[in-house]
Amino acid sequence: MARIDIVDMENKKIGERELKEEVFSVPVREHLLWEAVKWQMACRRRGTASTKTRGEVSGGGAKPWRQKGTGRARAGSIRSPLWRGGGVVFGPHPRDYSYKLPKSARREALKSALALKYKEGAVKVVKDITLPEIKTKRFLEILKGLDAVNSLVVIDRKDERIEKSARNLPFTKVIRCEGLNVYDILRYENLVLTEGSLEKIEGVLAGNE
């Protein structure tokens, strides 16, 4: 049975709880992690790269020189792809790179990512994280106390004081539990969960909600 300590913001143990095996003890399926990250990156691509064909570049209405008698190669337009400043052949055009990944695959990939972090001993559960005001320095002190400066912090509700306090920390990201994703879990060394977010994550991934 998978178990984990529950600590307070000073990293003092205040309890212990069981983790759902169907979420944190599943086999780590690396191919699904790869598929999920690839899918996320594809969906984030803007797809705005664009080039002009010979029909879109300006100029080229007149023939550069007469067909014969000049000793030069035949040319019909200065916008030929062979010319500097001419059109581009088979160049990129704006497109949508996103595609669909089955919901079941996304779900299993998320479980694998959580199981991997737990297997590495990189999961910390905090009873709750509260800040009296928006203060990056105080939030960083909490993370240092938890020995989790490089971490993804998952909270169970909207909290601008926490979210804004973490914005300027280069190796930390705060997200709400409904936004939990494979890429962010793998990107950071530690995964810090509030007890409330852990309950919601287990409820959804274990199929209870």
N, C-alpha and C. Protein backbone atom coordinates (compact mmCIF):
# COMPACT_ATOMS: atom_id res chain seq x y z
N MET A 1 0.84 -1.19 0.00
CA MET A 1 0.00 0.00 0.00
C MET A 1 0.88 1.25 0.00
N ALA A 2 0.64 2.13 -0.95
CA ALA A 2 1.42 3.37 -1.04
C ALA A 2 0.95 4.34 0.04
N ARG A 3 1.91 4.87 0.78
CA ARG A 3 1.61 5.83 1.83
C ARG A 3 2.53 7.04 1.68
N ILE A 4 2.07 8.16 2.19
CA ILE A 4 2.88 9.38 2.11
C ILE A 4 2.62 10.25 3.34
N ASP A 5 3.66 10.97 3.74
CA ASP A 5 3.53 11.86 4.88
C ASP A 5 2.84 13.16 4.47
N ILE A 6 2.12 13.72 5.41
CA ILE A 6 1.52 15.04 5.22
C ILE A 6 2.26 16.01 6.13
N VAL A 7 2.76 17.09 5.55
CA VAL A 7 3.55 18.05 6.32
C VAL A 7 2.87 19.41 6.31
N ASP A 8 3.32 20.28 7.21
CA ASP A 8 2.84 21.66 7.20
C ASP A 8 3.83 22.51 6.41
N MET A 9 3.63 23.81 6.41
CA MET A 9 4.48 24.69 5.61
C MET A 9 5.90 24.77 6.15
N GLU A 10 6.13 24.30 7.38
CA GLU A 10 7.48 24.26 7.95
C GLU A 10 8.14 22.90 7.74
N ASN A 11 7.48 22.06 6.95
CA ASN A 11 7.98 20.71 6.63
C ASN A 11 7.98 19.78 7.84
N LYS A 12 7.10 20.04 8.79
CA LYS A 12 6.96 19.16 9.95
C LYS A 12 5.81 18.17 9.70
N LYS A 13 6.08 16.91 9.96
CA LYS A 13 5.07 15.89 9.72
C LYS A 13 3.90 16.06 10.68
N ILE A 14 2.71 16.14 10.12
CA ILE A 14 1.51 16.28 10.96
C ILE A 14 0.52 15.14 10.72
N GLY A 15 0.88 14.24 9.83
CA GLY A 15 -0.03 13.12 9.55
C GLY A 15 0.50 12.23 8.46
N GLU A 16 -0.32 11.28 8.09
CA GLU A 16 0.03 10.32 7.06
C GLU A 16 -1.24 9.85 6.40
N ARG A 17 -1.16 9.50 5.14
CA ARG A 17 -2.35 9.00 4.46
C ARG A 17 -1.97 7.99 3.38
N GLU A 18 -2.93 7.18 3.03
CA GLU A 18 -2.73 6.21 1.96
C GLU A 18 -2.99 6.87 0.62
N LEU A 19 -2.23 6.46 -0.37
CA LEU A 19 -2.44 6.93 -1.73
C LEU A 19 -3.16 5.85 -2.52
N LYS A 20 -4.02 6.24 -3.39
CA LYS A 20 -4.75 5.26 -4.19
C LYS A 20 -3.78 4.55 -5.13
N GLU A 21 -3.76 3.24 -5.04
CA GLU A 21 -2.82 2.46 -5.85
C GLU A 21 -3.10 2.58 -7.33
N GLU A 22 -4.37 2.78 -7.70
CA GLU A 22 -4.71 2.88 -9.11
C GLU A 22 -4.24 4.20 -9.73
N VAL A 23 -3.69 5.09 -8.90
CA VAL A 23 -3.16 6.36 -9.40
C VAL A 23 -1.64 6.42 -9.22
N PHE A 24 -1.15 6.10 -8.05
CA PHE A 24 0.27 6.28 -7.74
C PHE A 24 1.10 5.00 -7.79
N SER A 25 0.47 3.87 -8.02
CA SER A 25 1.23 2.62 -8.06
C SER A 25 1.09 1.89 -9.38
N VAL A 26 0.64 2.58 -10.39
CA VAL A 26 0.50 1.94 -11.70
C VAL A 26 1.88 1.81 -12.36
N PRO A 27 2.04 0.88 -13.29
CA PRO A 27 3.33 0.78 -14.02
C PRO A 27 3.59 2.06 -14.80
N VAL A 28 4.84 2.48 -14.83
CA VAL A 28 5.22 3.69 -15.58
C VAL A 28 5.35 3.32 -17.05
N ARG A 29 4.46 3.86 -17.86
CA ARG A 29 4.45 3.55 -19.29
C ARG A 29 5.11 4.70 -20.04
N GLU A 30 6.40 4.53 -20.30
CA GLU A 30 7.20 5.62 -20.87
C GLU A 30 6.70 6.06 -22.25
N HIS A 31 6.20 5.13 -23.03
CA HIS A 31 5.74 5.52 -24.36
C HIS A 31 4.54 6.45 -24.28
N LEU A 32 3.70 6.28 -23.25
CA LEU A 32 2.57 7.18 -23.09
C LEU A 32 3.02 8.56 -22.63
N LEU A 33 4.06 8.60 -21.78
CA LEU A 33 4.61 9.89 -21.37
C LEU A 33 5.11 10.65 -22.59
N TRP A 34 5.81 9.92 -23.47
CA TRP A 34 6.33 10.55 -24.69
C TRP A 34 5.19 11.05 -25.57
N GLU A 35 4.16 10.22 -25.73
CA GLU A 35 3.02 10.61 -26.56
C GLU A 35 2.32 11.85 -26.00
N ALA A 36 2.15 11.89 -24.67
CA ALA A 36 1.45 13.00 -24.05
C ALA A 36 2.23 14.31 -24.18
N VAL A 37 3.54 14.24 -23.98
CA VAL A 37 4.37 15.45 -24.10
C VAL A 37 4.40 15.92 -25.56
N LYS A 38 4.53 15.00 -26.48
CA LYS A 38 4.53 15.34 -27.91
C LYS A 38 3.20 16.01 -28.28
N TRP A 39 2.10 15.48 -27.79
CA TRP A 39 0.78 16.05 -28.07
C TRP A 39 0.64 17.45 -27.49
N GLN A 40 1.09 17.64 -26.24
CA GLN A 40 1.02 18.95 -25.62
C GLN A 40 1.85 19.98 -26.38
N MET A 41 3.05 19.59 -26.78
CA MET A 41 3.91 20.52 -27.51
C MET A 41 3.31 20.88 -28.88
N ALA A 42 2.69 19.90 -29.53
CA ALA A 42 2.08 20.16 -30.83
C ALA A 42 0.90 21.12 -30.69
N CYS A 43 0.11 20.94 -29.63
CA CYS A 43 -1.05 21.81 -29.41
C CYS A 43 -0.63 23.23 -29.05
N ARG A 44 0.56 23.39 -28.50
CA ARG A 44 1.03 24.73 -28.13
C ARG A 44 1.67 25.48 -29.29
N ARG A 45 1.99 24.78 -30.38
CA ARG A 45 2.64 25.44 -31.51
C ARG A 45 1.71 26.47 -32.14
N ARG A 46 2.24 27.64 -32.42
CA ARG A 46 1.43 28.70 -32.99
C ARG A 46 1.15 28.45 -34.47
N GLY A 47 2.10 27.85 -35.15
CA GLY A 47 1.88 27.53 -36.57
C GLY A 47 1.76 28.76 -37.44
N THR A 48 2.52 29.82 -37.13
CA THR A 48 2.40 31.07 -37.90
C THR A 48 3.50 31.23 -38.94
N ALA A 49 4.42 30.28 -39.06
CA ALA A 49 5.49 30.39 -40.05
C ALA A 49 4.88 30.50 -41.45
N SER A 50 5.39 31.44 -42.23
CA SER A 50 4.79 31.64 -43.55
C SER A 50 5.83 32.13 -44.55
N THR A 51 5.74 31.66 -45.78
CA THR A 51 6.59 32.13 -46.88
C THR A 51 5.69 32.47 -48.07
N LYS A 52 6.23 33.24 -49.00
CA LYS A 52 5.46 33.63 -50.18
C LYS A 52 5.90 32.81 -51.40
N THR A 53 4.93 32.40 -52.16
CA THR A 53 5.22 31.72 -53.42
C THR A 53 5.54 32.77 -54.49
N ARG A 54 5.91 32.33 -55.67
CA ARG A 54 6.24 33.28 -56.74
C ARG A 54 5.02 34.09 -57.17
N GLY A 55 3.85 33.61 -56.86
CA GLY A 55 2.64 34.36 -57.19
C GLY A 55 2.28 35.39 -56.15
N GLU A 56 2.98 35.39 -55.01
CA GLU A 56 2.64 36.31 -53.92
C GLU A 56 3.67 37.42 -53.71
N VAL A 57 4.91 37.21 -54.17
CA VAL A 57 5.92 38.26 -54.01
C VAL A 57 5.64 39.38 -55.00
N SER A 58 6.09 40.58 -54.68
CA SER A 58 5.82 41.72 -55.53
C SER A 58 6.80 41.78 -56.71
N GLY A 59 6.38 42.47 -57.75
CA GLY A 59 7.24 42.64 -58.91
C GLY A 59 7.15 41.47 -59.88
N GLY A 60 8.03 41.50 -60.87
CA GLY A 60 8.08 40.38 -61.80
C GLY A 60 7.09 40.46 -62.93
N GLY A 61 6.50 41.62 -63.16
CA GLY A 61 5.51 41.72 -64.23
C GLY A 61 6.13 41.72 -65.62
N ALA A 62 7.35 42.23 -65.73
CA ALA A 62 7.99 42.33 -67.05
C ALA A 62 9.10 41.29 -67.17
N LYS A 63 9.32 40.87 -68.39
CA LYS A 63 10.40 39.93 -68.65
C LYS A 63 11.73 40.66 -68.46
N PRO A 64 12.68 40.11 -67.66
CA PRO A 64 13.93 40.83 -67.35
C PRO A 64 14.72 41.24 -68.59
N TRP A 65 14.83 40.38 -69.56
CA TRP A 65 15.51 40.69 -70.82
C TRP A 65 14.92 39.83 -71.93
N ARG A 66 15.24 40.18 -73.15
CA ARG A 66 14.67 39.45 -74.27
C ARG A 66 15.12 38.00 -74.27
N GLN A 67 14.33 37.18 -74.91
CA GLN A 67 14.53 35.75 -74.85
C GLN A 67 15.87 35.32 -75.45
N LYS A 68 16.25 35.90 -76.57
CA LYS A 68 17.45 35.43 -77.29
C LYS A 68 18.42 36.58 -77.55
N GLY A 69 19.66 36.20 -77.75
CA GLY A 69 20.65 37.16 -78.21
C GLY A 69 21.47 37.84 -77.14
N THR A 70 21.18 37.60 -75.86
CA THR A 70 21.94 38.28 -74.81
C THR A 70 23.08 37.41 -74.27
N GLY A 71 23.05 36.15 -74.56
CA GLY A 71 24.07 35.25 -74.04
C GLY A 71 23.77 34.76 -72.63
N ARG A 72 22.66 35.25 -72.08
CA ARG A 72 22.29 34.82 -70.74
C ARG A 72 21.17 33.78 -70.78
N ALA A 73 20.96 33.13 -69.66
CA ALA A 73 19.91 32.11 -69.61
C ALA A 73 18.55 32.77 -69.77
N ARG A 74 17.62 32.00 -70.28
CA ARG A 74 16.26 32.51 -70.45
C ARG A 74 15.66 32.84 -69.08
N ALA A 75 14.95 33.93 -68.96
CA ALA A 75 14.30 34.33 -67.71
C ALA A 75 12.98 35.01 -68.03
N GLY A 76 11.95 34.62 -67.31
CA GLY A 76 10.64 35.20 -67.57
C GLY A 76 10.17 36.12 -66.46
N SER A 77 10.78 35.99 -65.27
CA SER A 77 10.34 36.82 -64.14
C SER A 77 11.46 36.92 -63.11
N ILE A 78 11.58 38.08 -62.49
CA ILE A 78 12.58 38.24 -61.43
C ILE A 78 12.10 37.60 -60.13
N ARG A 79 10.89 37.11 -60.11
CA ARG A 79 10.35 36.47 -58.91
C ARG A 79 10.39 34.95 -58.99
N SER A 80 11.17 34.44 -59.93
CA SER A 80 11.39 33.00 -60.01
C SER A 80 12.07 32.50 -58.74
N PRO A 81 11.75 31.32 -58.26
CA PRO A 81 12.42 30.76 -57.07
C PRO A 81 13.93 30.65 -57.23
N LEU A 82 14.41 30.70 -58.46
CA LEU A 82 15.86 30.62 -58.70
C LEU A 82 16.56 31.94 -58.39
N TRP A 83 15.80 33.00 -58.31
CA TRP A 83 16.38 34.33 -58.12
C TRP A 83 16.34 34.76 -56.65
N ARG A 84 17.35 35.54 -56.27
CA ARG A 84 17.34 36.13 -54.94
C ARG A 84 16.15 37.08 -54.83
N GLY A 85 15.38 36.93 -53.76
CA GLY A 85 14.18 37.75 -53.59
C GLY A 85 12.96 37.17 -54.27
N GLY A 86 13.14 36.00 -54.89
CA GLY A 86 12.00 35.38 -55.55
C GLY A 86 11.14 34.57 -54.60
N GLY A 87 10.18 33.87 -55.14
CA GLY A 87 9.28 33.07 -54.31
C GLY A 87 9.98 31.85 -53.73
N VAL A 88 9.30 31.22 -52.78
CA VAL A 88 9.83 30.03 -52.11
C VAL A 88 9.02 28.81 -52.53
N VAL A 89 9.72 27.76 -52.89
CA VAL A 89 9.05 26.53 -53.31
C VAL A 89 8.80 25.63 -52.10
N PHE A 90 7.58 25.20 -51.91
CA PHE A 90 7.20 24.28 -50.83
C PHE A 90 7.59 24.82 -49.44
N GLY A 91 7.52 26.11 -49.27
CA GLY A 91 7.83 26.71 -47.97
C GLY A 91 6.67 26.54 -46.99
N PRO A 92 6.92 26.84 -45.70
CA PRO A 92 5.86 26.69 -44.71
C PRO A 92 4.76 27.74 -44.85
N HIS A 93 3.56 27.36 -44.50
CA HIS A 93 2.41 28.26 -44.49
C HIS A 93 1.66 28.07 -43.17
N PRO A 94 0.93 29.07 -42.71
CA PRO A 94 0.21 28.93 -41.44
C PRO A 94 -0.65 27.67 -41.41
N ARG A 95 -0.53 26.94 -40.30
CA ARG A 95 -1.29 25.69 -40.17
C ARG A 95 -1.51 25.38 -38.70
N ASP A 96 -2.41 24.47 -38.45
CA ASP A 96 -2.70 24.03 -37.09
C ASP A 96 -1.99 22.70 -36.87
N TYR A 97 -1.08 22.67 -35.89
CA TYR A 97 -0.30 21.46 -35.61
C TYR A 97 -0.98 20.53 -34.61
N SER A 98 -2.06 20.99 -34.00
CA SER A 98 -2.70 20.18 -32.96
C SER A 98 -3.38 18.94 -33.55
N TYR A 99 -3.51 17.93 -32.72
CA TYR A 99 -4.21 16.72 -33.11
C TYR A 99 -4.84 16.11 -31.86
N LYS A 100 -5.64 15.12 -32.03
CA LYS A 100 -6.34 14.53 -30.90
C LYS A 100 -5.58 13.34 -30.34
N LEU A 101 -5.50 13.29 -29.02
CA LEU A 101 -4.95 12.13 -28.33
C LEU A 101 -6.08 11.53 -27.51
N PRO A 102 -6.32 10.24 -27.62
CA PRO A 102 -7.45 9.64 -26.89
C PRO A 102 -7.45 10.01 -25.41
N LYS A 103 -8.62 10.25 -24.88
CA LYS A 103 -8.76 10.62 -23.47
C LYS A 103 -8.18 9.55 -22.56
N SER A 104 -8.36 8.30 -22.93
CA SER A 104 -7.84 7.20 -22.11
C SER A 104 -6.31 7.24 -22.07
N ALA A 105 -5.69 7.60 -23.20
CA ALA A 105 -4.22 7.69 -23.24
C ALA A 105 -3.74 8.85 -22.38
N ARG A 106 -4.44 9.99 -22.44
CA ARG A 106 -4.06 11.15 -21.63
C ARG A 106 -4.19 10.82 -20.15
N ARG A 107 -5.22 10.11 -19.81
CA ARG A 107 -5.46 9.74 -18.42
C ARG A 107 -4.38 8.80 -17.90
N GLU A 108 -4.04 7.77 -18.70
CA GLU A 108 -3.02 6.82 -18.27
C GLU A 108 -1.64 7.46 -18.23
N ALA A 109 -1.39 8.41 -19.13
CA ALA A 109 -0.10 9.11 -19.13
C ALA A 109 0.03 9.95 -17.86
N LEU A 110 -1.05 10.58 -17.43
CA LEU A 110 -1.03 11.39 -16.21
C LEU A 110 -0.78 10.50 -14.99
N LYS A 111 -1.40 9.34 -14.97
CA LYS A 111 -1.16 8.39 -13.88
C LYS A 111 0.31 7.94 -13.87
N SER A 112 0.85 7.67 -15.06
CA SER A 112 2.24 7.23 -15.14
C SER A 112 3.19 8.31 -14.64
N ALA A 113 2.90 9.56 -14.97
CA ALA A 113 3.75 10.66 -14.52
C ALA A 113 3.71 10.80 -13.00
N LEU A 114 2.52 10.66 -12.42
CA LEU A 114 2.39 10.74 -10.96
C LEU A 114 3.09 9.56 -10.29
N ALA A 115 2.91 8.38 -10.87
CA ALA A 115 3.56 7.19 -10.32
C ALA A 115 5.08 7.30 -10.39
N LEU A 116 5.58 7.89 -11.48
CA LEU A 116 7.02 8.06 -11.63
C LEU A 116 7.57 9.00 -10.56
N LYS A 117 6.88 10.11 -10.33
CA LYS A 117 7.34 11.06 -9.31
C LYS A 117 7.29 10.43 -7.92
N TYR A 118 6.26 9.65 -7.65
CA TYR A 118 6.17 8.99 -6.34
C TYR A 118 7.29 7.96 -6.20
N LYS A 119 7.56 7.23 -7.27
CA LYS A 119 8.62 6.21 -7.25
C LYS A 119 9.98 6.85 -7.00
N GLU A 120 10.17 8.08 -7.50
CA GLU A 120 11.42 8.81 -7.31
C GLU A 120 11.50 9.50 -5.96
N GLY A 121 10.42 9.45 -5.19
CA GLY A 121 10.39 10.13 -3.90
C GLY A 121 10.33 11.64 -4.03
N ALA A 122 9.75 12.10 -5.12
CA ALA A 122 9.72 13.54 -5.41
C ALA A 122 8.35 14.16 -5.18
N VAL A 123 7.47 13.45 -4.49
CA VAL A 123 6.13 13.98 -4.21
C VAL A 123 6.04 14.42 -2.75
N LYS A 124 5.57 15.63 -2.53
CA LYS A 124 5.35 16.13 -1.18
C LYS A 124 3.91 16.58 -1.05
N VAL A 125 3.30 16.23 0.07
CA VAL A 125 1.92 16.64 0.32
C VAL A 125 1.91 17.60 1.50
N VAL A 126 1.40 18.81 1.26
CA VAL A 126 1.33 19.83 2.29
C VAL A 126 -0.13 19.99 2.71
N LYS A 127 -0.36 20.09 3.99
CA LYS A 127 -1.72 20.24 4.49
C LYS A 127 -2.43 21.38 3.78
N ASP A 128 -1.77 22.53 3.72
CA ASP A 128 -2.30 23.67 2.99
C ASP A 128 -1.19 24.71 2.87
N ILE A 129 -1.29 25.54 1.87
CA ILE A 129 -0.34 26.64 1.69
C ILE A 129 -1.14 27.94 1.70
N THR A 130 -0.82 28.80 2.61
CA THR A 130 -1.52 30.08 2.70
C THR A 130 -0.51 31.21 2.83
N LEU A 131 -0.84 32.34 2.24
CA LEU A 131 -0.02 33.54 2.33
C LEU A 131 -0.92 34.72 2.70
N PRO A 132 -0.49 35.54 3.66
CA PRO A 132 -1.30 36.70 4.05
C PRO A 132 -1.31 37.79 2.98
N GLU A 133 -0.29 37.77 2.10
CA GLU A 133 -0.20 38.77 1.05
C GLU A 133 0.64 38.21 -0.09
N ILE A 134 0.65 38.93 -1.21
CA ILE A 134 1.48 38.52 -2.34
C ILE A 134 2.93 38.85 -2.00
N LYS A 135 3.72 37.80 -1.79
CA LYS A 135 5.10 38.00 -1.35
C LYS A 135 5.97 36.86 -1.90
N THR A 136 6.74 37.17 -2.92
CA THR A 136 7.60 36.15 -3.53
C THR A 136 8.62 35.62 -2.54
N LYS A 137 9.21 36.51 -1.75
CA LYS A 137 10.24 36.11 -0.80
C LYS A 137 9.70 35.10 0.20
N ARG A 138 8.49 35.34 0.70
CA ARG A 138 7.89 34.42 1.67
C ARG A 138 7.57 33.07 1.03
N PHE A 139 7.09 33.10 -0.20
CA PHE A 139 6.77 31.85 -0.88
C PHE A 139 8.03 31.05 -1.13
N LEU A 140 9.12 31.73 -1.49
CA LEU A 140 10.40 31.05 -1.70
C LEU A 140 10.91 30.44 -0.40
N GLU A 141 10.71 31.12 0.70
CA GLU A 141 11.11 30.57 2.01
C GLU A 141 10.36 29.28 2.31
N ILE A 142 9.07 29.25 1.96
CA ILE A 142 8.27 28.03 2.18
C ILE A 142 8.82 26.88 1.35
N LEU A 143 9.14 27.16 0.08
CA LEU A 143 9.67 26.12 -0.79
C LEU A 143 11.03 25.62 -0.31
N LYS A 144 11.87 26.53 0.16
CA LYS A 144 13.17 26.12 0.69
C LYS A 144 12.99 25.26 1.93
N GLY A 145 12.01 25.61 2.76
CA GLY A 145 11.74 24.81 3.95
C GLY A 145 11.27 23.41 3.61
N LEU A 146 10.56 23.31 2.48
CA LEU A 146 10.07 22.00 2.01
C LEU A 146 11.14 21.26 1.21
N ASP A 147 12.29 21.91 0.99
CA ASP A 147 13.36 21.36 0.16
C ASP A 147 12.82 21.05 -1.24
N ALA A 148 12.08 22.01 -1.78
CA ALA A 148 11.44 21.81 -3.08
C ALA A 148 11.41 23.12 -3.86
N VAL A 149 12.59 23.71 -4.04
CA VAL A 149 12.64 24.99 -4.77
C VAL A 149 12.27 24.77 -6.24
N ASN A 150 12.83 23.73 -6.83
CA ASN A 150 12.49 23.40 -8.21
C ASN A 150 11.28 22.47 -8.18
N SER A 151 10.09 23.05 -8.29
CA SER A 151 8.90 22.22 -8.10
C SER A 151 7.68 22.76 -8.83
N LEU A 152 6.78 21.84 -9.10
CA LEU A 152 5.46 22.17 -9.59
C LEU A 152 4.52 22.11 -8.38
N VAL A 153 3.91 23.23 -8.06
CA VAL A 153 3.03 23.31 -6.91
C VAL A 153 1.58 23.27 -7.39
N VAL A 154 0.83 22.31 -6.88
CA VAL A 154 -0.56 22.13 -7.32
C VAL A 154 -1.49 22.50 -6.18
N ILE A 155 -2.36 23.48 -6.43
CA ILE A 155 -3.33 23.91 -5.42
C ILE A 155 -4.74 23.52 -5.87
N ASP A 156 -5.65 23.49 -4.92
CA ASP A 156 -7.00 22.98 -5.23
C ASP A 156 -8.01 24.07 -5.50
N ARG A 157 -7.60 25.33 -5.44
CA ARG A 157 -8.54 26.42 -5.66
C ARG A 157 -7.78 27.65 -6.14
N LYS A 158 -8.53 28.60 -6.64
CA LYS A 158 -7.92 29.85 -7.09
C LYS A 158 -7.38 30.61 -5.88
N ASP A 159 -6.12 31.01 -5.96
CA ASP A 159 -5.49 31.78 -4.89
C ASP A 159 -4.47 32.72 -5.52
N GLU A 160 -4.88 33.95 -5.77
CA GLU A 160 -4.00 34.90 -6.45
C GLU A 160 -2.75 35.21 -5.65
N ARG A 161 -2.83 35.15 -4.33
CA ARG A 161 -1.64 35.46 -3.52
C ARG A 161 -0.53 34.44 -3.77
N ILE A 162 -0.91 33.17 -3.87
CA ILE A 162 0.09 32.13 -4.15
C ILE A 162 0.53 32.18 -5.60
N GLU A 163 -0.43 32.28 -6.51
CA GLU A 163 -0.12 32.25 -7.94
C GLU A 163 0.76 33.43 -8.36
N LYS A 164 0.47 34.60 -7.84
CA LYS A 164 1.27 35.78 -8.20
C LYS A 164 2.61 35.80 -7.48
N SER A 165 2.67 35.21 -6.30
CA SER A 165 3.94 35.16 -5.57
C SER A 165 4.95 34.27 -6.26
N ALA A 166 4.48 33.33 -7.07
CA ALA A 166 5.38 32.38 -7.73
C ALA A 166 5.76 32.79 -9.14
N ARG A 167 5.17 33.87 -9.65
CA ARG A 167 5.37 34.22 -11.06
C ARG A 167 6.82 34.52 -11.41
N ASN A 168 7.57 35.12 -10.48
CA ASN A 168 8.94 35.51 -10.79
C ASN A 168 9.98 34.48 -10.38
N LEU A 169 9.55 33.33 -9.91
CA LEU A 169 10.49 32.28 -9.52
C LEU A 169 10.77 31.41 -10.76
N PRO A 170 12.03 31.38 -11.22
CA PRO A 170 12.35 30.72 -12.48
C PRO A 170 12.18 29.20 -12.48
N PHE A 171 12.30 28.57 -11.32
CA PHE A 171 12.24 27.11 -11.28
C PHE A 171 11.01 26.60 -10.53
N THR A 172 9.97 27.41 -10.52
CA THR A 172 8.74 27.03 -9.81
C THR A 172 7.52 27.43 -10.64
N LYS A 173 6.51 26.60 -10.58
CA LYS A 173 5.26 26.92 -11.25
C LYS A 173 4.10 26.49 -10.37
N VAL A 174 3.09 27.33 -10.28
CA VAL A 174 1.89 27.02 -9.50
C VAL A 174 0.73 26.84 -10.47
N ILE A 175 0.04 25.73 -10.38
CA ILE A 175 -1.15 25.51 -11.19
C ILE A 175 -2.26 24.96 -10.31
N ARG A 176 -3.47 25.07 -10.78
CA ARG A 176 -4.61 24.47 -10.08
C ARG A 176 -4.75 23.02 -10.53
N CYS A 177 -5.35 22.21 -9.69
CA CYS A 177 -5.37 20.77 -9.94
C CYS A 177 -6.05 20.41 -11.26
N GLU A 178 -7.02 21.23 -11.70
CA GLU A 178 -7.69 20.90 -12.96
C GLU A 178 -6.78 21.13 -14.16
N GLY A 179 -5.67 21.85 -13.96
CA GLY A 179 -4.73 22.08 -15.05
C GLY A 179 -3.52 21.16 -15.02
N LEU A 180 -3.53 20.17 -14.14
CA LEU A 180 -2.40 19.25 -14.02
C LEU A 180 -2.14 18.55 -15.34
N ASN A 181 -0.87 18.49 -15.76
CA ASN A 181 -0.55 17.88 -17.04
C ASN A 181 0.81 17.18 -16.98
N VAL A 182 1.03 16.28 -17.92
CA VAL A 182 2.23 15.45 -17.93
C VAL A 182 3.49 16.28 -18.13
N TYR A 183 3.45 17.22 -19.05
CA TYR A 183 4.65 18.01 -19.37
C TYR A 183 5.18 18.73 -18.14
N ASP A 184 4.31 19.41 -17.40
CA ASP A 184 4.75 20.16 -16.23
C ASP A 184 5.23 19.23 -15.11
N ILE A 185 4.58 18.09 -14.95
CA ILE A 185 5.02 17.15 -13.91
C ILE A 185 6.45 16.69 -14.17
N LEU A 186 6.75 16.39 -15.44
CA LEU A 186 8.08 15.89 -15.78
C LEU A 186 9.12 17.01 -15.84
N ARG A 187 8.68 18.21 -16.07
CA ARG A 187 9.60 19.34 -16.24
C ARG A 187 10.29 19.73 -14.94
N TYR A 188 9.59 19.62 -13.83
CA TYR A 188 10.14 20.05 -12.54
C TYR A 188 10.58 18.86 -11.71
N GLU A 189 11.57 19.09 -10.86
CA GLU A 189 12.15 18.01 -10.06
C GLU A 189 11.16 17.48 -9.03
N ASN A 190 10.41 18.37 -8.40
CA ASN A 190 9.50 17.96 -7.32
C ASN A 190 8.06 18.28 -7.67
N LEU A 191 7.17 17.52 -7.07
CA LEU A 191 5.74 17.76 -7.21
C LEU A 191 5.17 18.01 -5.82
N VAL A 192 4.73 19.22 -5.58
CA VAL A 192 4.18 19.60 -4.28
C VAL A 192 2.67 19.71 -4.41
N LEU A 193 1.95 18.90 -3.65
CA LEU A 193 0.49 18.89 -3.70
C LEU A 193 -0.08 19.35 -2.36
N THR A 194 -1.10 20.17 -2.41
CA THR A 194 -1.83 20.43 -1.19
C THR A 194 -2.76 19.24 -0.96
N GLU A 195 -3.15 19.02 0.27
CA GLU A 195 -3.99 17.85 0.56
C GLU A 195 -5.30 17.92 -0.22
N GLY A 196 -5.83 19.13 -0.36
CA GLY A 196 -7.07 19.29 -1.11
C GLY A 196 -6.91 18.93 -2.58
N SER A 197 -5.80 19.33 -3.18
CA SER A 197 -5.58 19.01 -4.59
C SER A 197 -5.35 17.51 -4.78
N LEU A 198 -4.68 16.87 -3.82
CA LEU A 198 -4.46 15.43 -3.91
C LEU A 198 -5.78 14.67 -3.91
N GLU A 199 -6.69 15.08 -3.06
CA GLU A 199 -8.00 14.42 -3.00
C GLU A 199 -8.75 14.57 -4.32
N LYS A 200 -8.70 15.77 -4.91
CA LYS A 200 -9.39 15.98 -6.17
C LYS A 200 -8.76 15.18 -7.30
N ILE A 201 -7.42 15.15 -7.34
CA ILE A 201 -6.72 14.41 -8.39
C ILE A 201 -7.04 12.92 -8.29
N GLU A 202 -6.97 12.39 -7.08
CA GLU A 202 -7.29 10.98 -6.89
C GLU A 202 -8.75 10.70 -7.24
N GLY A 203 -9.64 11.60 -6.86
CA GLY A 203 -11.05 11.41 -7.17
C GLY A 203 -11.32 11.31 -8.66
N VAL A 204 -10.64 12.14 -9.44
CA VAL A 204 -10.85 12.12 -10.88
C VAL A 204 -10.16 10.93 -11.54
N LEU A 205 -8.89 10.71 -11.23
CA LEU A 205 -8.13 9.66 -11.90
C LEU A 205 -8.50 8.25 -11.44
N ALA A 206 -9.04 8.14 -10.22
CA ALA A 206 -9.44 6.82 -9.75
C ALA A 206 -10.85 6.47 -10.20
N GLY A 207 -11.48 7.42 -10.90
CA GLY A 207 -12.79 7.15 -11.45
C GLY A 207 -13.94 7.36 -10.51
N ASN A 208 -13.69 8.11 -9.41
CA ASN A 208 -14.77 8.34 -8.45
C ASN A 208 -15.58 9.57 -8.77
N GLU A 209 -15.11 10.38 -9.73
CA GLU A 209 -15.86 11.58 -10.13
C GLU A 209 -16.03 11.60 -11.63
